[in-house]
Protein backbone atom coordinates (compact mmCIF):
# COMPACT_ATOMS: atom_id res chain seq x y z
CA MET A 1 -7.58 -34.26 34.79
CA ILE A 2 -9.07 -31.69 32.20
CA ASP A 3 -7.15 -29.47 30.54
CA SER A 4 -7.66 -25.82 30.82
CA THR A 5 -5.36 -24.58 28.31
CA PRO A 6 -7.39 -22.09 26.05
CA THR A 7 -7.79 -22.78 22.67
CA ASN A 8 -7.89 -21.50 19.24
CA GLU A 9 -10.16 -23.45 16.80
CA ARG A 10 -9.16 -21.93 13.28
CA ALA A 11 -7.25 -23.46 10.66
CA PRO A 12 -3.24 -23.46 11.06
CA ARG A 13 -1.40 -21.62 8.67
CA ILE A 14 1.76 -23.52 8.83
CA PHE A 15 0.96 -26.87 10.32
CA ASP A 16 1.29 -28.53 6.77
CA ILE A 17 5.22 -27.38 6.63
CA ILE A 18 6.06 -28.64 9.90
CA ALA A 19 4.63 -32.02 9.03
CA VAL A 20 6.34 -32.27 5.74
CA MET A 21 9.81 -31.39 7.43
CA PHE A 22 8.96 -33.66 10.32
CA VAL A 23 8.30 -36.71 7.61
CA ALA A 24 11.05 -35.71 5.36
CA PHE A 25 13.87 -35.85 8.29
CA LEU A 26 12.24 -39.18 9.54
CA LEU A 27 12.40 -40.85 5.92
CA ILE A 28 16.15 -39.37 5.46
CA SER A 29 16.96 -40.80 9.21
CA ASN A 30 15.79 -43.90 8.25
CA ILE A 31 18.41 -44.42 4.79
CA ALA A 32 21.04 -42.83 6.44
CA ALA A 33 20.85 -45.11 9.96
CA THR A 34 21.76 -48.28 7.39
CA LYS A 35 25.57 -47.29 8.06
CA VAL A 36 26.92 -47.95 11.60
CA THR A 37 30.09 -45.72 12.06
CA ALA A 38 32.59 -45.65 15.36
CA LEU A 39 34.08 -42.45 16.96
CA ASP A 40 37.30 -42.70 19.23
CA LEU A 41 37.80 -39.69 21.23
CA GLY A 42 40.93 -41.07 23.44
CA PRO A 43 39.64 -43.42 25.81
CA ILE A 44 36.02 -43.24 24.55
CA HIS A 45 35.20 -45.38 21.82
CA LEU A 46 31.14 -44.43 20.47
CA VAL A 47 29.11 -46.35 17.81
CA PHE A 48 26.28 -44.78 16.43
CA ASP A 49 24.48 -45.12 13.14
CA GLY A 50 24.27 -42.56 10.65
CA GLY A 51 20.48 -41.74 11.54
CA ALA A 52 21.93 -40.09 14.53
CA ILE A 53 22.91 -36.92 12.65
CA LEU A 54 19.50 -35.98 11.50
CA PHE A 55 16.94 -37.81 13.71
CA PRO A 56 16.92 -36.02 17.15
CA LEU A 57 15.32 -32.95 14.82
CA THR A 58 12.33 -35.00 14.69
CA TYR A 59 11.83 -34.73 18.13
CA VAL A 60 12.26 -30.85 18.20
CA LEU A 61 9.63 -31.07 15.39
CA GLY A 62 7.73 -33.54 17.32
CA ASP A 63 7.84 -30.45 20.79
CA VAL A 64 6.68 -27.79 18.38
CA LEU A 65 3.83 -30.04 17.05
CA ALA A 66 2.57 -31.34 20.45
CA GLU A 67 3.20 -27.71 22.20
CA VAL A 68 1.60 -25.56 19.54
CA TYR A 69 -1.13 -27.72 18.05
CA GLY A 70 -1.91 -30.15 20.82
CA PHE A 71 -1.55 -34.42 20.86
CA THR A 72 -4.71 -34.82 18.01
CA ARG A 73 -2.72 -33.04 15.51
CA ALA A 74 1.02 -34.34 16.71
CA LYS A 75 -0.49 -38.11 16.99
CA ARG A 76 -1.89 -37.19 13.09
CA VAL A 77 1.74 -36.60 12.00
CA ILE A 78 3.38 -39.60 13.53
CA ILE A 79 1.24 -41.80 11.69
CA LEU A 80 1.69 -40.07 8.57
CA GLY A 81 5.27 -40.62 9.24
CA PHE A 82 4.32 -44.15 9.84
CA VAL A 83 2.78 -44.67 6.69
CA ALA A 84 5.23 -42.88 4.66
CA SER A 85 8.15 -45.17 6.28
CA ILE A 86 6.37 -48.13 5.38
CA LEU A 87 5.54 -47.38 1.84
CA ALA A 88 9.38 -46.41 1.38
CA SER A 89 10.48 -49.79 2.44
CA LEU A 90 7.97 -51.74 0.36
CA ILE A 91 8.82 -49.69 -2.56
CA PHE A 92 12.70 -50.38 -2.03
CA LEU A 93 11.86 -53.94 -1.83
CA LEU A 94 10.13 -53.86 -4.82
CA VAL A 95 12.76 -52.19 -6.60
CA GLN A 96 15.35 -54.70 -5.36
CA ILE A 97 13.36 -57.69 -6.94
CA ALA A 98 12.77 -56.20 -10.03
CA PRO A 99 14.70 -57.77 -12.78
CA ILE A 100 18.00 -56.05 -13.75
CA GLY A 101 18.34 -53.78 -16.57
CA PRO A 102 21.28 -54.09 -19.27
CA GLY A 103 24.07 -51.89 -18.17
CA TYR A 104 22.93 -51.87 -14.34
CA ASP A 105 25.94 -52.91 -12.50
CA ASN A 106 25.30 -52.09 -8.77
CA GLN A 107 22.47 -54.16 -7.74
CA ALA A 108 24.52 -55.37 -5.17
CA ALA A 109 25.46 -51.79 -3.83
CA PHE A 110 21.51 -51.42 -3.88
CA GLU A 111 20.94 -54.79 -1.84
CA ALA A 112 23.93 -53.69 0.46
CA VAL A 113 22.62 -50.33 1.30
CA LEU A 114 19.18 -50.31 0.73
CA GLY A 115 17.99 -53.71 0.81
CA PHE A 116 18.89 -53.04 4.92
CA VAL A 117 16.40 -50.57 4.81
CA PRO A 118 13.02 -52.63 5.53
CA ARG A 119 14.65 -53.91 8.82
CA ILE A 120 15.98 -50.46 9.61
CA VAL A 121 12.26 -49.14 8.74
CA LEU A 122 10.45 -51.61 10.80
CA ALA A 123 13.22 -51.02 13.71
CA SER A 124 12.52 -46.92 13.17
CA VAL A 125 8.61 -47.40 12.89
CA ILE A 126 8.28 -49.14 15.74
CA GLY A 127 10.72 -47.22 17.99
CA TYR A 128 9.64 -43.55 16.79
CA LEU A 129 6.17 -44.74 16.75
CA VAL A 130 6.20 -45.25 20.60
CA GLY A 131 8.87 -43.15 21.04
CA GLN A 132 6.98 -40.08 19.70
CA LEU A 133 3.22 -40.52 21.00
CA VAL A 134 5.16 -41.62 24.51
CA ASN A 135 6.91 -38.06 23.89
CA SER A 136 3.89 -36.30 22.84
CA PHE A 137 1.43 -37.70 25.41
CA VAL A 138 4.21 -36.91 28.58
CA LEU A 139 4.79 -33.14 26.81
CA VAL A 140 1.21 -32.60 26.82
CA LYS A 141 0.43 -34.31 30.58
CA ILE A 142 2.98 -32.13 32.08
CA ARG A 143 1.22 -29.27 30.61
CA GLN A 144 -2.18 -30.12 32.15
CA ARG A 145 -0.69 -30.75 35.59
CA TRP A 146 1.67 -27.76 36.02
CA GLY A 147 0.54 -25.05 33.58
CA ALA A 148 2.13 -23.78 30.58
CA ASP A 149 4.88 -22.41 32.32
CA HIS A 150 8.24 -24.27 33.13
CA LEU A 151 8.32 -25.40 29.22
CA TRP A 152 12.11 -26.70 29.67
CA ALA A 153 10.72 -29.13 31.83
CA ARG A 154 8.20 -30.33 29.48
CA LEU A 155 10.58 -30.12 26.61
CA ILE A 156 13.46 -32.28 28.46
CA GLY A 157 11.12 -34.89 30.21
CA SER A 158 9.18 -35.52 27.52
CA THR A 159 12.25 -36.19 25.57
CA MET A 160 13.89 -38.42 27.83
CA VAL A 161 11.13 -40.92 28.55
CA GLY A 162 10.09 -40.56 24.75
CA GLU A 163 13.82 -41.23 23.88
CA LEU A 164 14.65 -44.23 26.12
CA PHE A 165 11.18 -45.73 24.44
CA ASP A 166 12.85 -45.20 20.97
CA THR A 167 16.38 -45.71 21.61
CA VAL A 168 15.72 -49.28 22.97
CA LEU A 169 13.48 -50.17 20.60
CA PHE A 170 15.13 -49.17 17.60
CA CYS A 171 18.66 -50.64 18.39
CA THR A 172 17.48 -53.77 19.60
CA ILE A 173 15.02 -54.44 16.21
CA ALA A 174 17.68 -52.99 13.95
CA PHE A 175 21.08 -54.29 14.90
CA VAL A 176 20.80 -56.81 17.75
CA GLY A 177 23.10 -59.84 16.20
CA ILE A 178 24.69 -57.35 14.22
CA ILE A 179 26.27 -55.68 16.38
CA PRO A 180 28.44 -57.84 18.86
CA GLY A 181 28.50 -57.51 22.45
CA LEU A 182 29.60 -55.07 24.29
CA ASP A 183 29.49 -52.73 21.17
CA PHE A 184 25.55 -53.12 21.09
CA LEU A 185 25.33 -51.79 24.54
CA ASN A 186 27.79 -48.94 23.63
CA TYR A 187 25.47 -48.08 20.57
CA VAL A 188 22.39 -47.90 22.91
CA ILE A 189 23.51 -45.99 25.28
CA THR A 190 25.52 -43.82 23.20
CA GLY A 191 22.33 -43.35 21.13
CA TYR A 192 20.48 -42.49 23.99
CA VAL A 193 22.80 -40.05 25.70
CA TYR A 194 23.40 -38.31 21.97
CA LYS A 195 19.79 -37.89 21.39
CA VAL A 196 18.51 -36.62 24.67
CA GLY A 197 21.88 -34.47 24.75
CA VAL A 198 21.13 -32.99 21.43
CA GLU A 199 17.54 -31.69 22.38
CA VAL A 200 19.17 -30.11 25.58
CA VAL A 201 21.53 -28.58 23.50
CA LEU A 202 18.70 -27.11 21.13
CA LEU A 203 16.70 -26.02 23.64
CA PRO A 204 17.35 -22.53 22.80
CA ILE A 205 16.31 -23.43 19.55
CA THR A 206 13.39 -25.21 20.48
CA TYR A 207 12.26 -22.53 22.53
CA ARG A 208 12.45 -19.74 19.52
CA ALA A 209 10.86 -22.22 16.92
CA ILE A 210 7.79 -22.65 19.86
CA ALA A 211 7.82 -18.82 19.73
CA LEU A 212 7.74 -18.04 15.98
CA VAL A 213 5.19 -21.10 15.16
CA ARG A 214 3.16 -19.65 17.81
CA LYS A 215 3.36 -15.86 16.66
CA ARG A 216 2.94 -17.09 12.87
CA GLU A 217 -0.49 -18.99 14.13
CA GLY A 218 -1.46 -16.12 16.37
CA LEU A 219 -1.65 -17.84 19.55
CA LYS A 220 -0.92 -16.53 22.92
CA PRO A 221 2.20 -18.24 24.83
CA GLN A 222 -0.99 -20.35 26.84
CA GLU A 223 -3.26 -21.32 23.89
CA VAL A 224 -3.11 -24.49 21.67
CA LEU A 225 -4.24 -24.54 18.26
CA ALA A 226 -7.24 -27.01 18.41
CA ALA A 227 -7.60 -29.96 15.94
């Protein structure tokens, strides 16, 4: 089905700001994810990683990118995040194997934290690349099928599908064999429910963010800024 949504082909005004925030949130989350933590809430035991604090916001920004700027521009930012993550991983690896200078006594700590980043980045890159592309694709397809109404259905529906791919791939690649037994299953389920839950809770903020970006770009509610 051909998308009949009106488009505006002029140059974007704040696309670069949103793109930079998206990539920054991804890089920060990759480093924070090197720490696994747990939280006991009475009889409920939750296992998650530090990336859970910020990473769900990349999906909010991904929704803004896809909804306002279209799948082509959203895909471009996703790929840029992919490249930046790989570059960060390579730099950390090079610094780790570089000769230790005089007076530097933190090599073991550096390796323990940032030495794990390449595996986290591999997991993040694969999970996030697949998840974000699926998220943006589903969001755009729902829009094509049912039009510009029911934004909440597009945001929640695309997130549920995208986060499922992302969470299963990331958790498996990053921590299978490290987090034992049922704790690993707990980690996967907790991560998925948490990420989807955060986006549902932040839905009013996502609505407002999309509206503000549309207004800043001079777009009508049904318009997409064409690439």
